[in-house]
């Protein structure tokens, strides 16, 4: 699955110049494989925050929360 720390660190200019594009590609791929992956949704939300896109981040976080609250525990 996608590593949140790696994706957030990928936003740093000291990393590979295509890191942001690659990170988004892997996040989308993770959600194609498992659209109900709360981890991928939360990571994607964090990624959107790092891009200063709070509207998309909130949407993704709400999707993740909706899945979490339906998990029996």
Protein backbone atom coordinates (compact mmCIF):
# COMPACT_ATOMS: atom_id res chain seq x y z
CA UNK A 1 0.00 0.00 0.00
CA UNK A 2 1.01 3.62 -0.21
CA UNK A 3 3.35 4.97 2.46
CA UNK A 4 2.01 8.30 3.71
CA UNK A 5 5.36 9.56 4.94
CA UNK A 6 7.04 8.87 1.60
CA UNK A 7 4.31 10.71 -0.27
CA UNK A 8 4.42 13.74 1.98
CA UNK A 9 8.22 13.83 1.87
CA UNK A 10 7.99 13.59 -1.91
CA UNK A 11 6.68 17.13 -1.90
CA UNK A 12 10.13 18.39 -0.87
CA UNK A 13 12.09 19.95 -3.74
CA UNK A 14 15.16 18.00 -2.62
CA UNK A 15 13.53 14.79 -3.86
CA UNK A 16 13.08 13.57 -7.41
CA UNK A 17 11.51 16.29 -9.58
CA UNK A 18 8.63 13.99 -10.61
CA UNK A 19 7.95 12.79 -7.07
CA UNK A 20 4.62 14.59 -6.79
CA UNK A 21 3.37 13.16 -10.09
CA UNK A 22 4.56 9.66 -9.15
CA UNK A 23 2.99 9.85 -5.72
CA UNK A 24 -0.38 10.83 -7.15
CA UNK A 25 -0.11 8.06 -9.74
CA UNK A 26 0.45 5.47 -6.99
CA UNK A 27 -2.35 6.85 -4.83
CA UNK A 28 -4.78 6.64 -7.74
CA UNK A 29 -3.59 3.11 -8.52
CA UNK A 30 -4.10 2.08 -4.89
CA UNK A 31 -7.66 3.38 -5.00
CA UNK A 32 -8.33 1.64 -8.30
CA UNK A 33 -7.26 -1.63 -6.70
CA UNK A 34 -9.23 -1.00 -3.51
CA UNK A 35 -11.59 1.99 -3.65
CA UNK A 36 -12.50 1.36 -0.01
CA UNK A 37 -8.97 1.51 1.34
CA UNK A 38 -9.20 3.89 4.27
CA UNK A 39 -5.41 4.10 4.38
CA UNK A 40 -5.14 5.14 0.73
CA UNK A 41 -7.94 7.69 1.16
CA UNK A 42 -6.30 9.18 4.25
CA UNK A 43 -2.92 9.28 2.51
CA UNK A 44 -4.45 10.94 -0.52
CA UNK A 45 -6.09 13.46 1.81
CA UNK A 46 -2.71 14.24 3.38
CA UNK A 47 -1.22 14.56 -0.08
CA UNK A 48 -3.92 17.08 -1.06
CA UNK A 49 -3.24 19.08 2.09
CA UNK A 50 0.45 19.24 1.16
CA UNK A 51 -0.69 20.61 -2.22
CA UNK A 52 -2.75 23.22 -0.36
CA UNK A 53 -6.01 21.78 -1.68
CA UNK A 54 -8.15 21.54 1.47
CA UNK A 55 -11.43 21.01 -0.38
CA UNK A 56 -10.27 17.77 -1.99
CA UNK A 57 -8.51 16.75 1.23
CA UNK A 58 -11.74 17.11 3.22
CA UNK A 59 -13.73 15.17 0.61
CA UNK A 60 -11.23 12.28 0.76
CA UNK A 61 -11.13 12.33 4.55
CA UNK A 62 -14.93 12.21 4.72
CA UNK A 63 -14.92 9.19 2.40
CA UNK A 64 -12.39 7.48 4.67
CA UNK A 65 -14.35 8.30 7.80
CA UNK A 66 -17.57 6.95 6.30
CA UNK A 67 -15.81 3.64 5.70
CA UNK A 68 -14.22 3.60 9.16
CA UNK A 69 -17.47 4.19 11.00
CA UNK A 70 -19.02 1.17 9.24
CA UNK A 71 -16.26 -1.20 10.36
CA UNK A 72 -17.53 -3.53 13.05
CA UNK A 73 -15.35 -3.63 16.08
